[in-house]
Amino acid sequence: MKKSLNPRQTRVLNALENGPKMREMLDVIAGCSNSPELISSLRRLGLEIPCERVERFDRDGNACYPGLYRLTPEDKAIIRGWLK
């Protein structure tokens, strides 16, 4: 079933098909500053898009846990149908 995706969603899905991406990178790719909400919109369309919280350190040396998003094999199969 073909989904009507907006350009931001399409850019993010194309990027995620090439491998996991950090939240900050998805902001740049999508052209927005709220990629978690963009991911939520894709989840509402039926994708899983798991998010792993990975330890990183901010510029002050404090630990933080940004999200690393990836597609499941099932997500990839669904997306292939959408992006045909």
N, C-alpha and C. Protein backbone atom coordinates (compact mmCIF):
# COMPACT_ATOMS: atom_id res chain seq x y z
N MET A 1 0.84 -1.17 0.00
CA MET A 1 0.00 0.00 0.00
C MET A 1 0.89 1.24 0.00
N LYS A 2 0.72 2.10 -0.95
CA LYS A 2 1.50 3.32 -1.10
C LYS A 2 1.05 4.35 -0.06
N LYS A 3 1.98 4.88 0.70
CA LYS A 3 1.69 5.92 1.69
C LYS A 3 2.07 7.27 1.11
N SER A 4 1.34 8.28 1.50
CA SER A 4 1.68 9.64 1.11
C SER A 4 2.60 10.21 2.18
N LEU A 5 3.88 10.26 1.86
CA LEU A 5 4.88 10.74 2.81
C LEU A 5 5.27 12.16 2.45
N ASN A 6 5.53 12.96 3.47
CA ASN A 6 6.01 14.31 3.18
C ASN A 6 7.52 14.26 2.89
N PRO A 7 8.09 15.32 2.35
CA PRO A 7 9.52 15.29 1.99
C PRO A 7 10.45 14.99 3.16
N ARG A 8 10.15 15.51 4.35
CA ARG A 8 10.99 15.23 5.51
C ARG A 8 10.97 13.74 5.85
N GLN A 9 9.79 13.15 5.85
CA GLN A 9 9.68 11.72 6.14
C GLN A 9 10.45 10.90 5.11
N THR A 10 10.33 11.27 3.86
CA THR A 10 11.01 10.54 2.79
C THR A 10 12.53 10.63 2.95
N ARG A 11 13.04 11.83 3.26
CA ARG A 11 14.49 11.99 3.44
C ARG A 11 15.00 11.14 4.60
N VAL A 12 14.26 11.14 5.71
CA VAL A 12 14.67 10.36 6.88
C VAL A 12 14.64 8.86 6.59
N LEU A 13 13.60 8.40 5.94
CA LEU A 13 13.51 6.96 5.64
C LEU A 13 14.62 6.54 4.68
N ASN A 14 14.90 7.35 3.68
CA ASN A 14 16.00 7.02 2.77
C ASN A 14 17.33 6.95 3.52
N ALA A 15 17.54 7.86 4.44
CA ALA A 15 18.78 7.86 5.23
C ALA A 15 18.86 6.64 6.14
N LEU A 16 17.75 6.30 6.81
CA LEU A 16 17.75 5.16 7.72
C LEU A 16 17.93 3.84 6.98
N GLU A 17 17.54 3.79 5.72
CA GLU A 17 17.76 2.57 4.94
C GLU A 17 19.25 2.29 4.76
N ASN A 18 20.07 3.33 4.90
CA ASN A 18 21.52 3.16 4.77
C ASN A 18 22.20 2.89 6.09
N GLY A 19 21.44 2.79 7.17
CA GLY A 19 22.02 2.46 8.47
C GLY A 19 21.50 3.36 9.57
N PRO A 20 21.80 2.99 10.82
CA PRO A 20 21.33 3.76 11.98
C PRO A 20 21.85 5.19 11.94
N LYS A 21 21.07 6.10 12.50
CA LYS A 21 21.43 7.51 12.54
C LYS A 21 21.11 8.09 13.91
N MET A 22 21.99 8.98 14.36
CA MET A 22 21.76 9.69 15.61
C MET A 22 20.68 10.75 15.39
N ARG A 23 20.03 11.10 16.47
CA ARG A 23 18.94 12.08 16.42
C ARG A 23 19.41 13.39 15.77
N GLU A 24 20.59 13.88 16.15
CA GLU A 24 21.08 15.14 15.61
C GLU A 24 21.27 15.07 14.10
N MET A 25 21.75 13.93 13.61
CA MET A 25 21.94 13.74 12.17
C MET A 25 20.59 13.74 11.46
N LEU A 26 19.58 13.12 12.08
CA LEU A 26 18.25 13.12 11.46
C LEU A 26 17.67 14.53 11.38
N ASP A 27 17.97 15.38 12.37
CA ASP A 27 17.53 16.78 12.29
C ASP A 27 18.10 17.43 11.04
N VAL A 28 19.38 17.20 10.79
CA VAL A 28 20.05 17.80 9.62
C VAL A 28 19.47 17.22 8.33
N ILE A 29 19.33 15.92 8.27
CA ILE A 29 18.82 15.25 7.07
C ILE A 29 17.39 15.68 6.76
N ALA A 30 16.57 15.72 7.79
CA ALA A 30 15.15 16.07 7.59
C ALA A 30 14.96 17.54 7.30
N GLY A 31 15.85 18.37 7.84
CA GLY A 31 15.67 19.80 7.70
C GLY A 31 14.72 20.34 8.75
N CYS A 32 14.73 19.72 9.92
CA CYS A 32 13.88 20.17 11.02
C CYS A 32 14.68 20.06 12.32
N SER A 33 14.13 20.56 13.41
CA SER A 33 14.84 20.48 14.68
C SER A 33 14.11 19.61 15.69
N ASN A 34 13.18 18.78 15.22
CA ASN A 34 12.45 17.91 16.11
C ASN A 34 12.27 16.54 15.47
N SER A 35 13.38 15.88 15.20
CA SER A 35 13.27 14.56 14.56
C SER A 35 12.55 13.53 15.42
N PRO A 36 12.58 13.57 16.76
CA PRO A 36 11.78 12.60 17.50
C PRO A 36 10.29 12.66 17.16
N GLU A 37 9.76 13.85 16.93
CA GLU A 37 8.35 13.96 16.53
C GLU A 37 8.16 13.42 15.12
N LEU A 38 9.13 13.65 14.25
CA LEU A 38 9.06 13.11 12.89
C LEU A 38 9.05 11.58 12.93
N ILE A 39 9.90 11.00 13.79
CA ILE A 39 9.92 9.54 13.96
C ILE A 39 8.58 9.07 14.50
N SER A 40 8.01 9.81 15.44
CA SER A 40 6.69 9.45 15.98
C SER A 40 5.63 9.41 14.89
N SER A 41 5.70 10.36 13.96
CA SER A 41 4.72 10.37 12.87
C SER A 41 4.87 9.14 11.99
N LEU A 42 6.10 8.68 11.80
CA LEU A 42 6.33 7.46 11.01
C LEU A 42 5.88 6.22 11.77
N ARG A 43 6.04 6.23 13.07
CA ARG A 43 5.55 5.11 13.88
C ARG A 43 4.02 5.02 13.82
N ARG A 44 3.36 6.17 13.78
CA ARG A 44 1.89 6.17 13.67
C ARG A 44 1.43 5.58 12.33
N LEU A 45 2.31 5.56 11.35
CA LEU A 45 2.00 4.96 10.05
C LEU A 45 2.26 3.45 10.04
N GLY A 46 2.78 2.92 11.16
CA GLY A 46 2.96 1.47 11.27
C GLY A 46 4.39 0.97 11.34
N LEU A 47 5.36 1.88 11.35
CA LEU A 47 6.76 1.45 11.47
C LEU A 47 7.16 1.35 12.93
N GLU A 48 8.14 0.51 13.20
CA GLU A 48 8.63 0.36 14.57
C GLU A 48 9.73 1.38 14.88
N ILE A 49 10.73 1.48 14.05
CA ILE A 49 11.89 2.39 14.20
C ILE A 49 12.37 2.44 15.65
N PRO A 50 13.04 1.39 16.10
CA PRO A 50 13.56 1.38 17.48
C PRO A 50 14.58 2.49 17.71
N CYS A 51 14.65 2.92 18.96
CA CYS A 51 15.60 3.95 19.38
C CYS A 51 16.42 3.39 20.53
N GLU A 52 17.71 3.36 20.32
CA GLU A 52 18.63 2.92 21.37
C GLU A 52 19.25 4.16 21.98
N ARG A 53 19.23 4.28 23.29
CA ARG A 53 19.86 5.41 23.97
C ARG A 53 21.34 5.06 24.17
N VAL A 54 22.21 5.85 23.58
CA VAL A 54 23.64 5.58 23.65
C VAL A 54 24.34 6.67 24.45
N GLU A 55 25.33 6.28 25.22
CA GLU A 55 26.04 7.25 26.04
C GLU A 55 26.99 8.08 25.19
N ARG A 56 26.89 9.37 25.33
CA ARG A 56 27.78 10.32 24.69
C ARG A 56 28.13 11.36 25.75
N PHE A 57 29.05 12.21 25.42
CA PHE A 57 29.44 13.26 26.36
C PHE A 57 29.27 14.62 25.70
N ASP A 58 28.64 15.54 26.42
CA ASP A 58 28.42 16.86 25.85
C ASP A 58 29.70 17.68 25.90
N ARG A 59 29.67 18.89 25.43
CA ARG A 59 30.88 19.71 25.35
C ARG A 59 31.47 20.03 26.71
N ASP A 60 30.70 19.85 27.78
CA ASP A 60 31.20 20.08 29.13
C ASP A 60 31.68 18.81 29.80
N GLY A 61 31.65 17.71 29.07
CA GLY A 61 32.12 16.44 29.61
C GLY A 61 31.07 15.66 30.39
N ASN A 62 29.83 16.12 30.37
CA ASN A 62 28.76 15.42 31.08
C ASN A 62 28.17 14.33 30.20
N ALA A 63 27.85 13.20 30.82
CA ALA A 63 27.22 12.11 30.08
C ALA A 63 25.81 12.51 29.67
N CYS A 64 25.44 12.16 28.46
CA CYS A 64 24.08 12.34 27.99
C CYS A 64 23.73 11.11 27.15
N TYR A 65 22.47 10.92 26.85
CA TYR A 65 22.02 9.69 26.21
C TYR A 65 21.10 9.98 25.02
N PRO A 66 21.66 10.48 23.93
CA PRO A 66 20.83 10.75 22.76
C PRO A 66 20.40 9.45 22.08
N GLY A 67 19.40 9.58 21.22
CA GLY A 67 18.85 8.41 20.55
C GLY A 67 19.57 8.06 19.26
N LEU A 68 19.73 6.77 19.05
CA LEU A 68 20.25 6.20 17.80
C LEU A 68 19.09 5.41 17.18
N TYR A 69 18.57 5.91 16.06
CA TYR A 69 17.41 5.30 15.41
C TYR A 69 17.84 4.33 14.32
N ARG A 70 17.08 3.26 14.17
CA ARG A 70 17.37 2.28 13.11
C ARG A 70 16.05 1.69 12.63
N LEU A 71 16.13 1.05 11.47
CA LEU A 71 14.97 0.35 10.93
C LEU A 71 15.09 -1.13 11.22
N THR A 72 13.98 -1.78 11.47
CA THR A 72 13.94 -3.24 11.60
C THR A 72 13.85 -3.82 10.17
N PRO A 73 14.12 -5.11 10.02
CA PRO A 73 13.91 -5.73 8.70
C PRO A 73 12.46 -5.58 8.22
N GLU A 74 11.51 -5.65 9.15
CA GLU A 74 10.10 -5.48 8.79
C GLU A 74 9.84 -4.05 8.32
N ASP A 75 10.45 -3.06 9.00
CA ASP A 75 10.32 -1.67 8.57
C ASP A 75 10.82 -1.51 7.14
N LYS A 76 11.98 -2.10 6.86
CA LYS A 76 12.58 -1.97 5.52
C LYS A 76 11.66 -2.55 4.45
N ALA A 77 11.02 -3.67 4.74
CA ALA A 77 10.11 -4.28 3.77
C ALA A 77 8.91 -3.37 3.53
N ILE A 78 8.37 -2.79 4.59
CA ILE A 78 7.23 -1.87 4.46
C ILE A 78 7.62 -0.65 3.64
N ILE A 79 8.76 -0.09 3.94
CA ILE A 79 9.22 1.13 3.27
C ILE A 79 9.47 0.90 1.79
N ARG A 80 10.02 -0.24 1.45
CA ARG A 80 10.24 -0.55 0.03
C ARG A 80 8.93 -0.45 -0.75
N GLY A 81 7.85 -0.91 -0.16
CA GLY A 81 6.54 -0.80 -0.80
C GLY A 81 6.08 0.65 -0.91
N TRP A 82 6.37 1.47 0.11
CA TRP A 82 5.95 2.86 0.09
C TRP A 82 6.72 3.69 -0.91
N LEU A 83 8.03 3.44 -1.03
CA LEU A 83 8.89 4.32 -1.82
C LEU A 83 9.04 3.86 -3.27
N LYS A 84 8.26 2.88 -3.69
CA LYS A 84 8.34 2.41 -5.10
C LYS A 84 7.98 3.52 -6.04
